[in-house]
Structures are given as structure tokens and as C-alpha cells.
């Protein structure tokens, strides 16, 4: 139990120290940083929505081809860079 308490105390002190240092050395104020994070998240959400819509259209086209008895052409993924 003593080892756990020492670990917990070290964790709390480390978190507190890290938080203080992050606030002291942050390049922007909290409001500016929050706004940048918010804009980044909104941009990611929009990109995800547009990618999902493009994929949905592709799948609908493949479904229509399948219903009409035409062969389905699957697109290969982009080659990975080594």
C-alpha cells in the first residue's frame, strides 16, 4: 500500500509540474489555443463527412451495377510509400 501511495504522490506532483510548465511555455493564450483546436476539429469533421459521402456514392454505384448484372469494378487502394 505504501508503494502505491508513493506512486500516486509522484503522479500528482508530475502532473501538476507538467501543467504549470505547459502554461508558462505555451506560445499562445488559452483562448487562442482553444480556438485553434476547435477549428482543427471542425476541419477534421468536415473532411470526414466529405470522405464518407464520396464513399457512399461509390458504394451506391457499385450496388446499382450489381443489381443490373454488370460486373463490379473494385478500385485498388493507393500504393503505399516505402
PDB file of N, CA and C in Angstrom:
ATOM      1  N   UNK A   1       0.818  -1.187   0.000  1.00  0.00           N
ATOM      2  CA  UNK A   1       0.000   0.000   0.000  1.00  0.00           C
ATOM      3  C   UNK A   1       0.867   1.258   0.000  1.00  0.00           C
ATOM      4  N   UNK A   2       1.995   1.180   0.690  1.00  0.00           N
ATOM      5  CA  UNK A   2       2.888   2.333   0.762  1.00  0.00           C
ATOM      6  C   UNK A   2       3.460   2.662  -0.614  1.00  0.00           C
ATOM      7  N   UNK A   3       3.819   1.638  -1.385  1.00  0.00           N
ATOM      8  CA  UNK A   3       4.374   1.862  -2.713  1.00  0.00           C
ATOM      9  C   UNK A   3       3.350   2.555  -3.611  1.00  0.00           C
ATOM     10  N   UNK A   4       2.098   2.154  -3.466  1.00  0.00           N
ATOM     11  CA  UNK A   4       1.047   2.775  -4.268  1.00  0.00           C
ATOM     12  C   UNK A   4       0.885   4.246  -3.918  1.00  0.00           C
ATOM     13  N   UNK A   5       0.938   4.576  -2.627  1.00  0.00           N
ATOM     14  CA  UNK A   5       0.792   5.968  -2.188  1.00  0.00           C
ATOM     15  C   UNK A   5       1.962   6.818  -2.684  1.00  0.00           C
ATOM     16  N   UNK A   6       3.165   6.252  -2.660  1.00  0.00           N
ATOM     17  CA  UNK A   6       4.328   6.979  -3.167  1.00  0.00           C
ATOM     18  C   UNK A   6       4.176   7.203  -4.671  1.00  0.00           C
ATOM     19  N   UNK A   7       3.728   6.170  -5.376  1.00  0.00           N
ATOM     20  CA  UNK A   7       3.494   6.294  -6.816  1.00  0.00           C
ATOM     21  C   UNK A   7       2.438   7.365  -7.098  1.00  0.00           C
ATOM     22  N   UNK A   8       1.340   7.331  -6.363  1.00  0.00           N
ATOM     23  CA  UNK A   8       0.253   8.284  -6.550  1.00  0.00           C
ATOM     24  C   UNK A   8       0.733   9.709  -6.279  1.00  0.00           C
ATOM     25  N   UNK A   9       1.507   9.893  -5.223  1.00  0.00           N
ATOM     26  CA  UNK A   9       2.041  11.218  -4.901  1.00  0.00           C
ATOM     27  C   UNK A   9       2.971  11.701  -6.017  1.00  0.00           C
ATOM     28  N   UNK A  10       3.808  10.823  -6.536  1.00  0.00           N
ATOM     29  CA  UNK A  10       4.693  11.190  -7.632  1.00  0.00           C
ATOM     30  C   UNK A  10       3.920  11.543  -8.892  1.00  0.00           C
ATOM     31  N   UNK A  11       2.845  10.807  -9.141  1.00  0.00           N
ATOM     32  CA  UNK A  11       1.999  11.082 -10.302  1.00  0.00           C
ATOM     33  C   UNK A  11       1.354  12.458 -10.196  1.00  0.00           C
ATOM     34  N   UNK A  12       0.815  12.771  -9.032  1.00  0.00           N
ATOM     35  CA  UNK A  12       0.163  14.068  -8.818  1.00  0.00           C
ATOM     36  C   UNK A  12       1.166  15.206  -8.973  1.00  0.00           C
ATOM     37  N   UNK A  13       2.333  15.060  -8.364  1.00  0.00           N
ATOM     38  CA  UNK A  13       3.368  16.104  -8.464  1.00  0.00           C
ATOM     39  C   UNK A  13       3.818  16.256  -9.919  1.00  0.00           C
ATOM     40  N   UNK A  14       3.975  15.158 -10.621  1.00  0.00           N
ATOM     41  CA  UNK A  14       4.386  15.216 -12.021  1.00  0.00           C
ATOM     42  C   UNK A  14       3.344  15.880 -12.898  1.00  0.00           C
ATOM     43  N   UNK A  15       2.085  15.554 -12.683  1.00  0.00           N
ATOM     44  CA  UNK A  15       1.012  16.193 -13.461  1.00  0.00           C
ATOM     45  C   UNK A  15       0.944  17.690 -13.181  1.00  0.00           C
ATOM     46  N   UNK A  16       1.050  18.050 -11.916  1.00  0.00           N
ATOM     47  CA  UNK A  16       0.998  19.457 -11.545  1.00  0.00           C
ATOM     48  C   UNK A  16       2.173  20.214 -12.177  1.00  0.00           C
ATOM     49  N   UNK A  17       3.364  19.657 -12.079  1.00  0.00           N
ATOM     50  CA  UNK A  17       4.553  20.295 -12.642  1.00  0.00           C
ATOM     51  C   UNK A  17       4.424  20.435 -14.158  1.00  0.00           C
ATOM     52  N   UNK A  18       3.968  19.399 -14.805  1.00  0.00           N
ATOM     53  CA  UNK A  18       3.784  19.454 -16.255  1.00  0.00           C
ATOM     54  C   UNK A  18       2.766  20.499 -16.670  1.00  0.00           C
ATOM     55  N   UNK A  19       1.687  20.602 -15.927  1.00  0.00           N
ATOM     56  CA  UNK A  19       0.664  21.605 -16.229  1.00  0.00           C
ATOM     57  C   UNK A  19       1.179  23.020 -16.074  1.00  0.00           C
ATOM     58  N   UNK A  20       1.907  23.258 -14.992  1.00  0.00           N
ATOM     59  CA  UNK A  20       2.475  24.595 -14.759  1.00  0.00           C
ATOM     60  C   UNK A  20       3.469  24.947 -15.860  1.00  0.00           C
ATOM     61  N   UNK A  21       4.343  24.023 -16.201  1.00  0.00           N
ATOM     62  CA  UNK A  21       5.326  24.293 -17.253  1.00  0.00           C
ATOM     63  C   UNK A  21       4.649  24.508 -18.608  1.00  0.00           C
ATOM     64  N   UNK A  22       3.609  23.757 -18.877  1.00  0.00           N
ATOM     65  CA  UNK A  22       2.888  23.930 -20.147  1.00  0.00           C
ATOM     66  C   UNK A  22       2.270  25.316 -20.224  1.00  0.00           C
ATOM     67  N   UNK A  23       1.713  25.803 -19.115  1.00  0.00           N
ATOM     68  CA  UNK A  23       1.123  27.146 -19.120  1.00  0.00           C
ATOM     69  C   UNK A  23       2.185  28.229 -19.253  1.00  0.00           C
ATOM     70  N   UNK A  24       3.323  28.022 -18.624  1.00  0.00           N
ATOM     71  CA  UNK A  24       4.380  29.032 -18.691  1.00  0.00           C
ATOM     72  C   UNK A  24       5.008  29.128 -20.072  1.00  0.00           C
ATOM     73  N   UNK A  25       5.149  28.003 -20.739  1.00  0.00           N
ATOM     74  CA  UNK A  25       5.851  27.990 -22.013  1.00  0.00           C
ATOM     75  C   UNK A  25       4.934  27.896 -23.229  1.00  0.00           C
ATOM     76  N   UNK A  26       3.632  27.997 -23.029  1.00  0.00           N
ATOM     77  CA  UNK A  26       2.695  27.929 -24.147  1.00  0.00           C
ATOM     78  C   UNK A  26       2.902  29.146 -25.045  1.00  0.00           C
ATOM     79  N   UNK A  27       2.958  28.930 -26.368  1.00  0.00           N
ATOM     80  CA  UNK A  27       3.214  30.047 -27.275  1.00  0.00           C
ATOM     81  C   UNK A  27       2.011  30.971 -27.454  1.00  0.00           C
ATOM     82  N   UNK A  28       0.826  30.560 -27.037  1.00  0.00           N
ATOM     83  CA  UNK A  28      -0.371  31.373 -27.215  1.00  0.00           C
ATOM     84  C   UNK A  28      -1.192  31.361 -25.935  1.00  0.00           C
ATOM     85  N   UNK A  29      -2.124  32.296 -25.874  1.00  0.00           N
ATOM     86  CA  UNK A  29      -3.004  32.319 -24.708  1.00  0.00           C
ATOM     87  C   UNK A  29      -4.002  31.178 -24.794  1.00  0.00           C
ATOM     88  N   UNK A  30      -4.656  30.903 -23.697  1.00  0.00           N
ATOM     89  CA  UNK A  30      -5.616  29.813 -23.650  1.00  0.00           C
ATOM     90  C   UNK A  30      -6.752  29.974 -24.639  1.00  0.00           C
ATOM     91  N   UNK A  31      -7.282  31.194 -24.783  1.00  0.00           N
ATOM     92  CA  UNK A  31      -8.403  31.427 -25.699  1.00  0.00           C
ATOM     93  C   UNK A  31      -7.982  31.180 -27.149  1.00  0.00           C
ATOM     94  N   UNK A  32      -6.802  31.637 -27.504  1.00  0.00           N
ATOM     95  CA  UNK A  32      -6.311  31.438 -28.878  1.00  0.00           C
ATOM     96  C   UNK A  32      -6.078  29.956 -29.144  1.00  0.00           C
ATOM     97  N   UNK A  33      -5.482  29.281 -28.191  1.00  0.00           N
ATOM     98  CA  UNK A  33      -5.218  27.855 -28.342  1.00  0.00           C
ATOM     99  C   UNK A  33      -6.519  27.061 -28.455  1.00  0.00           C
ATOM    100  N   UNK A  34      -7.510  27.395 -27.645  1.00  0.00           N
ATOM    101  CA  UNK A  34      -8.809  26.727 -27.725  1.00  0.00           C
ATOM    102  C   UNK A  34      -9.447  26.939 -29.092  1.00  0.00           C
ATOM    103  N   UNK A  35      -9.353  28.155 -29.614  1.00  0.00           N
ATOM    104  CA  UNK A  35      -9.922  28.447 -30.927  1.00  0.00           C
ATOM    105  C   UNK A  35      -9.228  27.636 -32.021  1.00  0.00           C
ATOM    106  N   UNK A  36      -7.909  27.544 -31.962  1.00  0.00           N
ATOM    107  CA  UNK A  36      -7.177  26.762 -32.960  1.00  0.00           C
ATOM    108  C   UNK A  36      -7.547  25.284 -32.888  1.00  0.00           C
ATOM    109  N   UNK A  37      -7.696  24.761 -31.677  1.00  0.00           N
ATOM    110  CA  UNK A  37      -8.090  23.360 -31.516  1.00  0.00           C
ATOM    111  C   UNK A  37      -9.489  23.149 -32.065  1.00  0.00           C
ATOM    112  N   UNK A  38     -10.398  24.066 -31.754  1.00  0.00           N
ATOM    113  CA  UNK A  38     -11.779  23.976 -32.224  1.00  0.00           C
ATOM    114  C   UNK A  38     -11.827  23.985 -33.752  1.00  0.00           C
ATOM    115  N   UNK A  39     -11.073  24.887 -34.386  1.00  0.00           N
ATOM    116  CA  UNK A  39     -11.049  24.966 -35.845  1.00  0.00           C
ATOM    117  C   UNK A  39     -10.464  23.695 -36.457  1.00  0.00           C
ATOM    118  N   UNK A  40      -9.431  23.150 -35.834  1.00  0.00           N
ATOM    119  CA  UNK A  40      -8.835  21.909 -36.330  1.00  0.00           C
ATOM    120  C   UNK A  40      -9.809  20.752 -36.267  1.00  0.00           C
ATOM    121  N   UNK A  41     -10.546  20.660 -35.174  1.00  0.00           N
ATOM    122  CA  UNK A  41     -11.535  19.589 -35.027  1.00  0.00           C
ATOM    123  C   UNK A  41     -12.652  19.756 -36.049  1.00  0.00           C
ATOM    124  N   UNK A  42     -13.127  20.984 -36.231  1.00  0.00           N
ATOM    125  CA  UNK A  42     -14.187  21.229 -37.222  1.00  0.00           C
ATOM    126  C   UNK A  42     -13.716  20.865 -38.626  1.00  0.00           C
ATOM    127  N   UNK A  43     -12.462  21.180 -38.948  1.00  0.00           N
ATOM    128  CA  UNK A  43     -11.916  20.847 -40.268  1.00  0.00           C
ATOM    129  C   UNK A  43     -11.851  19.328 -40.453  1.00  0.00           C
ATOM    130  N   UNK A  44     -11.418  18.619 -39.411  1.00  0.00           N
ATOM    131  CA  UNK A  44     -11.360  17.162 -39.487  1.00  0.00           C
ATOM    132  C   UNK A  44     -12.748  16.554 -39.672  1.00  0.00           C
ATOM    133  N   UNK A  45     -13.735  17.109 -38.989  1.00  0.00           N
ATOM    134  CA  UNK A  45     -15.102  16.605 -39.119  1.00  0.00           C
ATOM    135  C   UNK A  45     -15.607  16.814 -40.539  1.00  0.00           C
ATOM    136  N   UNK A  46     -15.359  17.972 -41.103  1.00  0.00           N
ATOM    137  CA  UNK A  46     -15.803  18.254 -42.482  1.00  0.00           C
ATOM    138  C   UNK A  46     -15.111  17.332 -43.481  1.00  0.00           C
ATOM    139  N   UNK A  47     -13.816  17.105 -43.308  1.00  0.00           N
ATOM    140  CA  UNK A  47     -13.097  16.192 -44.196  1.00  0.00           C
ATOM    141  C   UNK A  47     -13.649  14.775 -44.084  1.00  0.00           C
ATOM    142  N   UNK A  48     -13.968  14.361 -42.869  1.00  0.00           N
ATOM    143  CA  UNK A  48     -14.549  13.037 -42.655  1.00  0.00           C
ATOM    144  C   UNK A  48     -15.910  12.913 -43.314  1.00  0.00           C
ATOM    145  N   UNK A  49     -16.727  13.954 -43.200  1.00  0.00           N
ATOM    146  CA  UNK A  49     -18.050  13.929 -43.828  1.00  0.00           C
ATOM    147  C   UNK A  49     -17.938  13.849 -45.346  1.00  0.00           C
ATOM    148  N   UNK A  50     -17.028  14.621 -45.928  1.00  0.00           N
ATOM    149  CA  UNK A  50     -16.898  14.590 -47.387  1.00  0.00           C
ATOM    150  C   UNK A  50     -16.340  13.250 -47.857  1.00  0.00           C
ATOM    151  N   UNK A  51     -15.419  12.662 -47.112  1.00  0.00           N
ATOM    152  CA  UNK A  51     -14.890  11.345 -47.480  1.00  0.00           C
ATOM    153  C   UNK A  51     -15.972  10.279 -47.358  1.00  0.00           C
ATOM    154  N   UNK A  52     -16.807  10.366 -46.323  1.00  0.00           N
ATOM    155  CA  UNK A  52     -17.897   9.408 -46.149  1.00  0.00           C
ATOM    156  C   UNK A  52     -18.913   9.543 -47.274  1.00  0.00           C
ATOM    157  N   UNK A  53     -19.209  10.764 -47.683  1.00  0.00           N
ATOM    158  CA  UNK A  53     -20.160  10.987 -48.777  1.00  0.00           C
ATOM    159  C   UNK A  53     -19.618  10.425 -50.090  1.00  0.00           C
ATOM    160  N   UNK A  54     -18.335  10.637 -50.359  1.00  0.00           N
ATOM    161  CA  UNK A  54     -17.734  10.103 -51.585  1.00  0.00           C
ATOM    162  C   UNK A  54     -17.774   8.579 -51.578  1.00  0.00           C
ATOM    163  N   UNK A  55     -17.481   7.982 -50.442  1.00  0.00           N
ATOM    164  CA  UNK A  55     -17.507   6.520 -50.333  1.00  0.00           C
ATOM    165  C   UNK A  55     -18.931   5.987 -50.481  1.00  0.00           C
ATOM    166  N   UNK A  56     -19.917   6.701 -49.914  1.00  0.00           N
ATOM    167  CA  UNK A  56     -21.310   6.297 -50.027  1.00  0.00           C
ATOM    168  C   UNK A  56     -21.754   6.298 -51.483  1.00  0.00           C
ATOM    169  N   UNK A  57     -21.378   7.338 -52.230  1.00  0.00           N
ATOM    170  CA  UNK A  57     -21.731   7.411 -53.650  1.00  0.00           C
ATOM    171  C   UNK A  57     -21.085   6.265 -54.424  1.00  0.00           C
ATOM    172  N   UNK A  58     -19.832   5.974 -54.118  1.00  0.00           N
ATOM    173  CA  UNK A  58     -19.139   4.878 -54.787  1.00  0.00           C
ATOM    174  C   UNK A  58     -19.834   3.542 -54.523  1.00  0.00           C
ATOM    175  N   UNK A  59     -20.226   3.320 -53.291  1.00  0.00           N
ATOM    176  CA  UNK A  59     -20.910   2.074 -52.941  1.00  0.00           C
ATOM    177  C   UNK A  59     -22.287   1.990 -53.584  1.00  0.00           C
ATOM    178  N   UNK A  60     -22.995   3.110 -53.679  1.00  0.00           N
ATOM    179  CA  UNK A  60     -24.295   3.110 -54.345  1.00  0.00           C
ATOM    180  C   UNK A  60     -24.153   2.776 -55.826  1.00  0.00           C
ATOM    181  N   UNK A  61     -23.117   3.300 -56.468  1.00  0.00           N
ATOM    182  CA  UNK A  61     -22.865   2.983 -57.878  1.00  0.00           C
ATOM    183  C   UNK A  61     -22.561   1.496 -58.047  1.00  0.00           C
ATOM    184  N   UNK A  62     -21.782   0.939 -57.142  1.00  0.00           N
ATOM    185  CA  UNK A  62     -21.475  -0.486 -57.218  1.00  0.00           C
ATOM    186  C   UNK A  62     -22.722  -1.330 -56.990  1.00  0.00           C
ATOM    187  N   UNK A  63     -23.598  -0.902 -56.099  1.00  0.00           N
ATOM    188  CA  UNK A  63     -24.838  -1.621 -55.840  1.00  0.00           C
ATOM    189  C   UNK A  63     -25.735  -1.603 -57.077  1.00  0.00           C
ATOM    190  N   UNK A  64     -25.827  -0.456 -57.730  1.00  0.00           N
ATOM    191  CA  UNK A  64     -26.632  -0.362 -58.950  1.00  0.00           C
ATOM    192  C   UNK A  64     -26.063  -1.267 -60.042  1.00  0.00           C
ATOM    193  N   UNK A  65     -24.751  -1.298 -60.178  1.00  0.00           N
ATOM    194  CA  UNK A  65     -24.123  -2.186 -61.163  1.00  0.00           C
ATOM    195  C   UNK A  65     -24.434  -3.638 -60.840  1.00  0.00           C
ATOM    196  N   UNK A  66     -24.384  -3.983 -59.579  1.00  0.00           N
ATOM    197  CA  UNK A  66     -24.673  -5.352 -59.155  1.00  0.00           C
ATOM    198  C   UNK A  66     -26.130  -5.712 -59.448  1.00  0.00           C
ATOM    199  N   UNK A  67     -27.047  -4.782 -59.187  1.00  0.00           N
ATOM    200  CA  UNK A  67     -28.471  -5.021 -59.442  1.00  0.00           C
ATOM    201  C   UNK A  67     -28.748  -5.228 -60.929  1.00  0.00           C
ATOM    202  N   UNK A  68     -27.995  -4.545 -61.771  1.00  0.00           N
ATOM    203  CA  UNK A  68     -28.207  -4.631 -63.215  1.00  0.00           C
ATOM    204  C   UNK A  68     -27.428  -5.781 -63.833  1.00  0.00           C
ATOM    205  N   UNK A  69     -26.683  -6.514 -63.048  1.00  0.00           N
ATOM    206  CA  UNK A  69     -25.956  -7.673 -63.539  1.00  0.00           C
ATOM    207  C   UNK A  69     -24.625  -7.354 -64.191  1.00  0.00           C
ATOM    208  N   UNK A  70     -24.191  -6.114 -64.083  1.00  0.00           N
ATOM    209  CA  UNK A  70     -22.880  -5.749 -64.640  1.00  0.00           C
ATOM    210  C   UNK A  70     -21.797  -6.120 -63.634  1.00  0.00           C
ATOM    211  N   UNK A  71     -20.598  -6.415 -64.148  1.00  0.00           N
ATOM    212  CA  UNK A  71     -19.506  -6.730 -63.214  1.00  0.00           C
ATOM    213  C   UNK A  71     -19.142  -5.499 -62.379  1.00  0.00           C
ATOM    214  N   UNK A  72     -18.820  -5.762 -61.152  1.00  0.00           N
ATOM    215  CA  UNK A  72     -18.433  -4.682 -60.246  1.00  0.00           C
ATOM    216  C   UNK A  72     -16.931  -4.477 -60.353  1.00  0.00           C
ATOM    217  N   UNK A  73     -16.540  -3.233 -60.550  1.00  0.00           N
ATOM    218  CA  UNK A  73     -15.120  -2.901 -60.642  1.00  0.00           C
ATOM    219  C   UNK A  73     -14.697  -2.319 -59.309  1.00  0.00           C
ATOM    220  N   UNK A  74     -13.843  -3.045 -58.629  1.00  0.00           N
ATOM    221  CA  UNK A  74     -13.319  -2.565 -57.347  1.00  0.00           C
ATOM    222  C   UNK A  74     -12.048  -1.782 -57.602  1.00  0.00           C
ATOM    223  N   UNK A  75     -11.948  -0.626 -56.993  1.00  0.00           N
ATOM    224  CA  UNK A  75     -10.757   0.195 -57.158  1.00  0.00           C
ATOM    225  C   UNK A  75      -9.718  -0.226 -56.116  1.00  0.00           C
ATOM    226  N   UNK A  76      -8.507  -0.414 -56.600  1.00  0.00           N
ATOM    227  CA  UNK A  76      -7.413  -0.758 -55.688  1.00  0.00           C
ATOM    228  C   UNK A  76      -7.015   0.478 -54.910  1.00  0.00           C
ATOM    229  N   UNK A  77      -6.561   0.280 -53.684  1.00  0.00           N
ATOM    230  CA  UNK A  77      -6.087   1.387 -52.867  1.00  0.00           C
ATOM    231  C   UNK A  77      -4.822   1.975 -53.439  1.00  0.00           C
ATOM    232  N   UNK A  78      -4.498   3.156 -52.994  1.00  0.00           N
ATOM    233  CA  UNK A  78      -3.286   3.820 -53.458  1.00  0.00           C
ATOM    234  C   UNK A  78      -2.070   3.058 -52.943  1.00  0.00           C
ATOM    235  N   UNK A  79      -1.033   2.960 -53.769  1.00  0.00           N
ATOM    236  CA  UNK A  79       0.174   2.248 -53.304  1.00  0.00           C
ATOM    237  C   UNK A  79       0.802   2.983 -52.133  1.00  0.00           C
ATOM    238  N   UNK A  80       1.310   2.205 -51.202  1.00  0.00           N
ATOM    239  CA  UNK A  80       1.926   2.788 -50.026  1.00  0.00           C
ATOM    240  C   UNK A  80       3.364   3.155 -50.319  1.00  0.00           C
ATOM    241  N   UNK A  81       3.771   4.301 -49.804  1.00  0.00           N
ATOM    242  CA  UNK A  81       5.155   4.744 -49.965  1.00  0.00           C
ATOM    243  C   UNK A  81       6.033   3.972 -48.992  1.00  0.00           C
ATOM    244  N   UNK A  82       7.170   3.503 -49.449  1.00  0.00           N
ATOM    245  CA  UNK A  82       8.093   2.766 -48.576  1.00  0.00           C
ATOM    246  C   UNK A  82       9.070   3.674 -47.914  1.00  0.00           C
TER     247      UNK A  82
END
